[in-house]
Amino acid sequence: MMRSSCLAAAVLALMAPRAKATIIDWQAELQRCRELRQNVAPLLQAGEGISAVGRSNRSVRRCIWIQRIAVRKKIPGAEVW
């Protein structure tokens, strides 16, 4: 009995940080991505591809990921990059 309760406690301790990490404030993230997109737009218009811009900037890659997930989940305000 003691073994199973210790195992359960260990599993819960490992799962707790992961559960907190999955909560996303979609509207705040989408707003941040819109602002970032306005900053990146001149680079894209200058001929840089989105993949080249994305490789050079972690926040651009995160925004591309957020937009993709938001479109898939049909979150209001999501738009395809």
Protein backbone atom coordinates (compact mmCIF):
# COMPACT_ATOMS: atom_id res chain seq x y z
CA MET A 1 0.00 0.00 0.00
CA MET A 2 2.79 2.41 0.90
CA ARG A 3 4.57 1.72 -2.37
CA SER A 4 1.56 2.53 -4.51
CA SER A 5 0.87 5.78 -2.66
CA CYS A 6 4.50 6.86 -3.09
CA LEU A 7 4.32 6.01 -6.77
CA ALA A 8 1.08 7.96 -7.15
CA ALA A 9 2.62 10.97 -5.38
CA ALA A 10 5.65 10.82 -7.67
CA VAL A 11 3.47 10.65 -10.77
CA LEU A 12 1.38 13.62 -9.61
CA ALA A 13 4.53 15.61 -8.89
CA LEU A 14 5.79 14.95 -12.41
CA MET A 15 2.44 15.81 -14.02
CA ALA A 16 1.81 19.08 -12.14
CA PRO A 17 4.33 21.30 -14.01
CA ARG A 18 3.20 19.90 -17.34
CA ALA A 19 -0.45 20.72 -16.57
CA LYS A 20 0.46 24.33 -15.78
CA ALA A 21 2.49 24.65 -18.97
CA THR A 22 -0.45 23.79 -21.24
CA ILE A 23 -2.68 26.71 -20.19
CA ILE A 24 -2.57 29.31 -22.97
CA ASP A 25 -4.20 32.72 -22.93
CA TRP A 26 -5.18 32.57 -26.60
CA GLN A 27 -6.28 36.18 -27.03
CA ALA A 28 -3.10 37.57 -25.45
CA GLU A 29 -0.92 35.25 -27.54
CA LEU A 30 -2.77 36.16 -30.74
CA GLN A 31 -2.44 39.88 -29.97
CA ARG A 32 1.29 39.47 -29.34
CA CYS A 33 1.62 37.57 -32.60
CA ARG A 34 -0.24 40.30 -34.51
CA GLU A 35 2.19 42.90 -33.17
CA LEU A 36 5.15 40.70 -34.03
CA ARG A 37 3.74 40.11 -37.50
CA GLN A 38 3.63 43.87 -38.10
CA ASN A 39 7.31 44.06 -37.17
CA VAL A 40 8.22 41.13 -39.44
CA ALA A 41 6.13 42.31 -42.40
CA PRO A 42 8.88 44.58 -43.83
CA LEU A 43 11.28 41.62 -43.90
CA LEU A 44 8.73 39.49 -45.69
CA GLN A 45 8.01 42.24 -48.21
CA ALA A 46 11.76 42.62 -48.79
CA GLY A 47 11.85 39.04 -50.04
CA GLU A 48 12.80 37.08 -46.94
CA GLY A 49 10.80 33.88 -46.63
CA ILE A 50 8.83 33.13 -43.48
CA SER A 51 11.01 30.09 -42.84
CA ALA A 52 14.18 32.22 -42.99
CA VAL A 53 12.67 34.77 -40.62
CA GLY A 54 11.39 31.99 -38.36
CA ARG A 55 14.77 30.29 -38.09
CA SER A 56 16.33 33.51 -36.89
CA ASN A 57 13.80 34.36 -34.19
CA ARG A 58 12.31 32.08 -31.54
CA SER A 59 9.29 34.33 -30.97
CA VAL A 60 8.41 34.15 -34.68
CA ARG A 61 8.55 30.36 -34.54
CA ARG A 62 6.33 30.37 -31.44
CA CYS A 63 3.83 32.67 -33.14
CA ILE A 64 3.70 30.44 -36.19
CA TRP A 65 3.04 27.49 -33.87
CA ILE A 66 0.40 29.40 -31.86
CA GLN A 67 -1.36 30.54 -35.05
CA ARG A 68 -1.38 27.02 -36.46
CA ILE A 69 -2.85 25.55 -33.25
CA ALA A 70 -5.37 28.40 -32.90
CA VAL A 71 -6.61 27.91 -36.48
CA ARG A 72 -6.90 24.17 -35.87
CA LYS A 73 -8.89 24.77 -32.64
CA LYS A 74 -10.95 27.50 -34.35
CA ILE A 75 -10.07 30.15 -31.77
CA PRO A 76 -11.69 33.52 -32.63
CA GLY A 77 -9.15 35.94 -34.09
CA ALA A 78 -6.80 33.27 -35.41
CA GLU A 79 -5.42 33.81 -38.89
CA VAL A 80 -3.10 31.80 -41.09
CA TRP A 81 0.43 33.17 -41.56
